[in-house]
């Protein structure tokens, strides 16, 4: 299994939208951690993509996430639960990175189907378990387990950030450290 590096990874943020987030378990923590992860990805030069599911019904992406999307980030709308659609496929092909750091909602629907489809097209999803949630909290653990059994890699935002840095002597480490210190744990 490959390790995450700035040269082999990209970030996909799934469906953190205004009308959906009030129903999501630990929404504030999930949103904060995803936004910090987006800033860390930009800090390390990782490409960042953002999906929005059925904008008419679920509204736009929450402000904290929209603000964290880099200027060169990819944003696309979908109605299919999986985000592996032509816009994302083109984006992935353009960046040719085998590892996809994944966060968002809902764990058992869009995140699950996206992760399974990423595996089917030869990518390795790294699941940020402290930035993935659902409206029904009991659905999260079985979804994460199913994804792991399918070859996805469970991880956390802190772990991913430190793995991307790789070394405390990395010139980008200090800038990442401020972001890492702001990561919030999910309640037990």
C-alpha atoms as a PDB file:
ATOM      1  CA  UNK A   1       0.000   0.000   0.000  1.00  0.00           C
ATOM      2  CA  UNK A   2       1.305   3.423  -0.912  1.00  0.00           C
ATOM      3  CA  UNK A   3       1.757   6.125   1.665  1.00  0.00           C
ATOM      4  CA  UNK A   4       0.193   9.522   1.133  1.00  0.00           C
ATOM      5  CA  UNK A   5       2.585  12.030  -0.397  1.00  0.00           C
ATOM      6  CA  UNK A   6       1.974  15.440  -1.957  1.00  0.00           C
ATOM      7  CA  UNK A   7       2.820  13.875  -5.336  1.00  0.00           C
ATOM      8  CA  UNK A   8       0.478  10.878  -5.217  1.00  0.00           C
ATOM      9  CA  UNK A   9      -2.651  12.172  -3.480  1.00  0.00           C
ATOM     10  CA  UNK A  10      -5.614  14.431  -4.072  1.00  0.00           C
ATOM     11  CA  UNK A  11      -8.618  15.379  -1.931  1.00  0.00           C
ATOM     12  CA  UNK A  12     -12.306  14.821  -2.620  1.00  0.00           C
ATOM     13  CA  UNK A  13     -14.904  16.525  -0.402  1.00  0.00           C
ATOM     14  CA  UNK A  14     -18.392  15.067  -0.767  1.00  0.00           C
ATOM     15  CA  UNK A  15     -21.681  16.974  -0.350  1.00  0.00           C
ATOM     16  CA  UNK A  16     -21.215  19.188   2.721  1.00  0.00           C
ATOM     17  CA  UNK A  17     -24.272  21.271   1.874  1.00  0.00           C
ATOM     18  CA  UNK A  18     -26.447  23.808   3.690  1.00  0.00           C
ATOM     19  CA  UNK A  19     -29.723  21.897   3.858  1.00  0.00           C
ATOM     20  CA  UNK A  20     -28.093  18.566   4.587  1.00  0.00           C
ATOM     21  CA  UNK A  21     -25.648  19.477   7.357  1.00  0.00           C
ATOM     22  CA  UNK A  22     -28.260  20.307  10.064  1.00  0.00           C
ATOM     23  CA  UNK A  23     -29.289  16.626   9.954  1.00  0.00           C
ATOM     24  CA  UNK A  24     -25.733  15.238  10.179  1.00  0.00           C
ATOM     25  CA  UNK A  25     -24.223  13.796  13.370  1.00  0.00           C
ATOM     26  CA  UNK A  26     -21.409  16.012  14.659  1.00  0.00           C
ATOM     27  CA  UNK A  27     -21.862  18.373  11.716  1.00  0.00           C
ATOM     28  CA  UNK A  28     -19.797  21.206  13.200  1.00  0.00           C
ATOM     29  CA  UNK A  29     -16.784  18.956  13.864  1.00  0.00           C
ATOM     30  CA  UNK A  30     -17.064  17.264  10.472  1.00  0.00           C
ATOM     31  CA  UNK A  31     -17.251  20.643   8.716  1.00  0.00           C
ATOM     32  CA  UNK A  32     -14.327  22.103  10.657  1.00  0.00           C
ATOM     33  CA  UNK A  33     -12.121  19.062  10.088  1.00  0.00           C
ATOM     34  CA  UNK A  34     -12.953  18.939   6.371  1.00  0.00           C
ATOM     35  CA  UNK A  35     -12.169  22.653   5.975  1.00  0.00           C
ATOM     36  CA  UNK A  36      -8.832  22.206   7.784  1.00  0.00           C
ATOM     37  CA  UNK A  37      -8.054  19.210   5.603  1.00  0.00           C
ATOM     38  CA  UNK A  38      -8.807  21.298   2.502  1.00  0.00           C
ATOM     39  CA  UNK A  39      -6.423  24.005   3.708  1.00  0.00           C
ATOM     40  CA  UNK A  40      -3.743  21.400   4.419  1.00  0.00           C
ATOM     41  CA  UNK A  41      -4.231  19.902   0.958  1.00  0.00           C
ATOM     42  CA  UNK A  42      -3.808  23.332  -0.627  1.00  0.00           C
ATOM     43  CA  UNK A  43      -0.761  23.960   1.609  1.00  0.00           C
ATOM     44  CA  UNK A  44       0.887  20.786   0.252  1.00  0.00           C
ATOM     45  CA  UNK A  45      -0.211  21.474  -3.338  1.00  0.00           C
ATOM     46  CA  UNK A  46      -2.754  18.664  -3.581  1.00  0.00           C
ATOM     47  CA  UNK A  47      -5.564  19.047  -6.095  1.00  0.00           C
ATOM     48  CA  UNK A  48      -8.943  19.472  -4.361  1.00  0.00           C
ATOM     49  CA  UNK A  49     -12.377  18.555  -5.746  1.00  0.00           C
ATOM     50  CA  UNK A  50     -15.783  19.247  -4.231  1.00  0.00           C
ATOM     51  CA  UNK A  51     -19.063  17.565  -5.129  1.00  0.00           C
ATOM     52  CA  UNK A  52     -22.525  19.017  -4.572  1.00  0.00           C
ATOM     53  CA  UNK A  53     -25.492  16.669  -4.614  1.00  0.00           C
ATOM     54  CA  UNK A  54     -28.751  17.942  -6.108  1.00  0.00           C
ATOM     55  CA  UNK A  55     -28.179  21.663  -5.514  1.00  0.00           C
ATOM     56  CA  UNK A  56     -31.839  22.536  -6.018  1.00  0.00           C
ATOM     57  CA  UNK A  57     -32.866  20.356  -3.077  1.00  0.00           C
ATOM     58  CA  UNK A  58     -29.857  20.408  -0.764  1.00  0.00           C
ATOM     59  CA  UNK A  59     -28.593  23.925  -1.399  1.00  0.00           C
ATOM     60  CA  UNK A  60     -25.024  25.105  -1.872  1.00  0.00           C
ATOM     61  CA  UNK A  61     -21.956  23.917  -0.015  1.00  0.00           C
ATOM     62  CA  UNK A  62     -21.660  25.349   3.503  1.00  0.00           C
ATOM     63  CA  UNK A  63     -19.648  28.562   3.682  1.00  0.00           C
ATOM     64  CA  UNK A  64     -16.684  27.159   5.645  1.00  0.00           C
ATOM     65  CA  UNK A  65     -16.098  24.536   2.950  1.00  0.00           C
ATOM     66  CA  UNK A  66     -16.668  26.866  -0.020  1.00  0.00           C
ATOM     67  CA  UNK A  67     -14.205  29.342   1.481  1.00  0.00           C
ATOM     68  CA  UNK A  68     -11.579  26.607   1.890  1.00  0.00           C
ATOM     69  CA  UNK A  69     -11.807  25.477  -1.754  1.00  0.00           C
ATOM     70  CA  UNK A  70      -8.634  26.642  -3.516  1.00  0.00           C
ATOM     71  CA  UNK A  71      -9.062  28.942  -6.518  1.00  0.00           C
ATOM     72  CA  UNK A  72      -7.947  26.103  -8.795  1.00  0.00           C
ATOM     73  CA  UNK A  73     -10.234  23.577  -7.071  1.00  0.00           C
ATOM     74  CA  UNK A  74     -12.806  21.567  -8.987  1.00  0.00           C
ATOM     75  CA  UNK A  75     -16.505  21.929  -8.054  1.00  0.00           C
ATOM     76  CA  UNK A  76     -19.211  19.865  -9.722  1.00  0.00           C
ATOM     77  CA  UNK A  77     -22.874  19.055  -9.236  1.00  0.00           C
ATOM     78  CA  UNK A  78     -24.331  15.566  -9.294  1.00  0.00           C
ATOM     79  CA  UNK A  79     -27.587  13.720  -8.799  1.00  0.00           C
ATOM     80  CA  UNK A  80     -26.029  10.255  -8.810  1.00  0.00           C
ATOM     81  CA  UNK A  81     -24.988   9.143  -5.315  1.00  0.00           C
ATOM     82  CA  UNK A  82     -21.475   8.242  -6.448  1.00  0.00           C
ATOM     83  CA  UNK A  83     -19.303  11.209  -7.338  1.00  0.00           C
ATOM     84  CA  UNK A  84     -17.363   9.099  -9.850  1.00  0.00           C
ATOM     85  CA  UNK A  85     -18.872  10.812 -12.879  1.00  0.00           C
ATOM     86  CA  UNK A  86     -17.338  12.362 -16.011  1.00  0.00           C
ATOM     87  CA  UNK A  87     -16.330  15.660 -14.306  1.00  0.00           C
ATOM     88  CA  UNK A  88     -14.503  13.837 -11.498  1.00  0.00           C
ATOM     89  CA  UNK A  89     -13.082  11.208 -13.854  1.00  0.00           C
ATOM     90  CA  UNK A  90     -11.635  13.963 -16.074  1.00  0.00           C
ATOM     91  CA  UNK A  91     -10.230  15.740 -13.021  1.00  0.00           C
ATOM     92  CA  UNK A  92      -8.660  12.518 -11.719  1.00  0.00           C
ATOM     93  CA  UNK A  93      -7.171  11.745 -15.139  1.00  0.00           C
ATOM     94  CA  UNK A  94      -5.731  15.251 -15.422  1.00  0.00           C
ATOM     95  CA  UNK A  95      -3.978  14.916 -12.069  1.00  0.00           C
ATOM     96  CA  UNK A  96      -2.989  11.225 -12.352  1.00  0.00           C
ATOM     97  CA  UNK A  97      -2.854  10.635  -8.614  1.00  0.00           C
ATOM     98  CA  UNK A  98      -3.634   7.125  -7.403  1.00  0.00           C
ATOM     99  CA  UNK A  99      -4.629   8.052  -3.839  1.00  0.00           C
ATOM    100  CA  UNK A 100      -7.835   9.951  -3.109  1.00  0.00           C
ATOM    101  CA  UNK A 101      -8.315  11.387   0.363  1.00  0.00           C
ATOM    102  CA  UNK A 102     -12.075  11.285   0.959  1.00  0.00           C
ATOM    103  CA  UNK A 103     -14.276  13.150   3.424  1.00  0.00           C
ATOM    104  CA  UNK A 104     -17.912  14.220   3.504  1.00  0.00           C
ATOM    105  CA  UNK A 105     -21.432  12.882   3.885  1.00  0.00           C
ATOM    106  CA  UNK A 106     -23.346  10.663   4.005  1.00  0.00           C
ATOM    107  CA  UNK A 107     -21.111   7.766   4.990  1.00  0.00           C
ATOM    108  CA  UNK A 108     -23.540   5.033   3.919  1.00  0.00           C
ATOM    109  CA  UNK A 109     -24.717   6.676   0.687  1.00  0.00           C
ATOM    110  CA  UNK A 110     -22.565   9.085  -1.335  1.00  0.00           C
ATOM    111  CA  UNK A 111     -19.275   8.454   0.474  1.00  0.00           C
ATOM    112  CA  UNK A 112     -19.721   4.672   0.300  1.00  0.00           C
ATOM    113  CA  UNK A 113     -20.742   4.555  -3.351  1.00  0.00           C
ATOM    114  CA  UNK A 114     -17.986   6.988  -4.352  1.00  0.00           C
ATOM    115  CA  UNK A 115     -15.329   4.986  -2.489  1.00  0.00           C
ATOM    116  CA  UNK A 116     -16.471   1.722  -4.055  1.00  0.00           C
ATOM    117  CA  UNK A 117     -16.405   3.295  -7.519  1.00  0.00           C
ATOM    118  CA  UNK A 118     -12.953   4.808  -6.896  1.00  0.00           C
ATOM    119  CA  UNK A 119     -11.704   1.305  -6.055  1.00  0.00           C
ATOM    120  CA  UNK A 120     -13.359  -0.042  -9.216  1.00  0.00           C
ATOM    121  CA  UNK A 121     -11.382   2.426 -11.362  1.00  0.00           C
ATOM    122  CA  UNK A 122      -8.078   1.595  -9.653  1.00  0.00           C
ATOM    123  CA  UNK A 123      -7.796   4.405  -7.112  1.00  0.00           C
ATOM    124  CA  UNK A 124      -7.153   3.960  -3.402  1.00  0.00           C
ATOM    125  CA  UNK A 125      -9.538   5.977  -1.224  1.00  0.00           C
ATOM    126  CA  UNK A 126      -8.150   7.101   2.140  1.00  0.00           C
ATOM    127  CA  UNK A 127     -11.171   7.615   4.392  1.00  0.00           C
ATOM    128  CA  UNK A 128     -10.907  10.510   6.833  1.00  0.00           C
ATOM    129  CA  UNK A 129     -12.980   8.944   9.584  1.00  0.00           C
ATOM    130  CA  UNK A 130     -13.074  12.172  11.614  1.00  0.00           C
ATOM    131  CA  UNK A 131     -14.484  14.079   8.622  1.00  0.00           C
ATOM    132  CA  UNK A 132     -17.110  11.559   7.460  1.00  0.00           C
ATOM    133  CA  UNK A 133     -20.582  11.353   8.968  1.00  0.00           C
ATOM    134  CA  UNK A 134     -24.265  10.678   8.346  1.00  0.00           C
ATOM    135  CA  UNK A 135     -27.676  11.733   9.564  1.00  0.00           C
ATOM    136  CA  UNK A 136     -28.131   8.381  11.260  1.00  0.00           C
ATOM    137  CA  UNK A 137     -24.986   7.829  13.304  1.00  0.00           C
ATOM    138  CA  UNK A 138     -25.494   4.041  13.464  1.00  0.00           C
ATOM    139  CA  UNK A 139     -24.951   3.902   9.684  1.00  0.00           C
ATOM    140  CA  UNK A 140     -21.391   5.266   9.845  1.00  0.00           C
ATOM    141  CA  UNK A 141     -19.498   2.307  11.322  1.00  0.00           C
ATOM    142  CA  UNK A 142     -20.951  -0.367   8.981  1.00  0.00           C
ATOM    143  CA  UNK A 143     -20.308   1.880   5.975  1.00  0.00           C
ATOM    144  CA  UNK A 144     -16.685   2.480   6.998  1.00  0.00           C
ATOM    145  CA  UNK A 145     -16.235  -1.246   7.606  1.00  0.00           C
ATOM    146  CA  UNK A 146     -17.664  -2.134   4.180  1.00  0.00           C
ATOM    147  CA  UNK A 147     -15.362   0.401   2.503  1.00  0.00           C
ATOM    148  CA  UNK A 148     -12.356  -0.968   4.393  1.00  0.00           C
ATOM    149  CA  UNK A 149     -13.224  -4.528   3.359  1.00  0.00           C
ATOM    150  CA  UNK A 150     -13.354  -3.261  -0.240  1.00  0.00           C
ATOM    151  CA  UNK A 151      -9.770  -2.010  -0.070  1.00  0.00           C
ATOM    152  CA  UNK A 152     -10.258   1.542   1.168  1.00  0.00           C
ATOM    153  CA  UNK A 153      -7.878   2.790   3.860  1.00  0.00           C
ATOM    154  CA  UNK A 154      -9.314   4.225   7.086  1.00  0.00           C
ATOM    155  CA  UNK A 155      -7.322   7.110   8.480  1.00  0.00           C
ATOM    156  CA  UNK A 156      -7.860  10.463  10.143  1.00  0.00           C
ATOM    157  CA  UNK A 157      -7.185  14.068   9.280  1.00  0.00           C
ATOM    158  CA  UNK A 158      -4.222  14.385  11.668  1.00  0.00           C
ATOM    159  CA  UNK A 159      -2.629  11.209  10.393  1.00  0.00           C
ATOM    160  CA  UNK A 160      -3.053  12.305   6.774  1.00  0.00           C
ATOM    161  CA  UNK A 161      -1.532  15.720   7.449  1.00  0.00           C
ATOM    162  CA  UNK A 162       1.525  14.266   9.170  1.00  0.00           C
ATOM    163  CA  UNK A 163       1.899  11.624   6.469  1.00  0.00           C
ATOM    164  CA  UNK A 164       1.829  14.323   3.773  1.00  0.00           C
ATOM    165  CA  UNK A 165       4.512  16.274   5.674  1.00  0.00           C
ATOM    166  CA  UNK A 166       6.607  13.136   6.112  1.00  0.00           C
ATOM    167  CA  UNK A 167       9.358  14.854   8.110  1.00  0.00           C
ATOM    168  CA  UNK A 168       9.520  17.628  10.705  1.00  0.00           C
ATOM    169  CA  UNK A 169      12.318  19.170   8.620  1.00  0.00           C
ATOM    170  CA  UNK A 170       9.931  19.589   5.668  1.00  0.00           C
ATOM    171  CA  UNK A 171       9.698  23.362   5.031  1.00  0.00           C
ATOM    172  CA  UNK A 172       5.893  23.000   4.859  1.00  0.00           C
ATOM    173  CA  UNK A 173       5.654  21.283   8.244  1.00  0.00           C
ATOM    174  CA  UNK A 174       5.280  24.419  10.391  1.00  0.00           C
ATOM    175  CA  UNK A 175       2.428  25.757   8.267  1.00  0.00           C
ATOM    176  CA  UNK A 176       0.691  22.377   8.470  1.00  0.00           C
ATOM    177  CA  UNK A 177       1.169  22.178  12.230  1.00  0.00           C
ATOM    178  CA  UNK A 178      -1.130  25.140  12.876  1.00  0.00           C
ATOM    179  CA  UNK A 179      -3.874  23.401  10.866  1.00  0.00           C
ATOM    180  CA  UNK A 180      -3.248  20.048  12.575  1.00  0.00           C
ATOM    181  CA  UNK A 181      -3.590  21.597  16.033  1.00  0.00           C
ATOM    182  CA  UNK A 182      -7.091  22.808  15.146  1.00  0.00           C
ATOM    183  CA  UNK A 183      -8.425  19.335  14.185  1.00  0.00           C
ATOM    184  CA  UNK A 184     -11.266  18.330  16.518  1.00  0.00           C
ATOM    185  CA  UNK A 185     -11.905  14.813  17.777  1.00  0.00           C
ATOM    186  CA  UNK A 186     -15.321  13.312  17.256  1.00  0.00           C
ATOM    187  CA  UNK A 187     -17.239  12.789  20.503  1.00  0.00           C
ATOM    188  CA  UNK A 188     -16.963   9.254  21.827  1.00  0.00           C
END
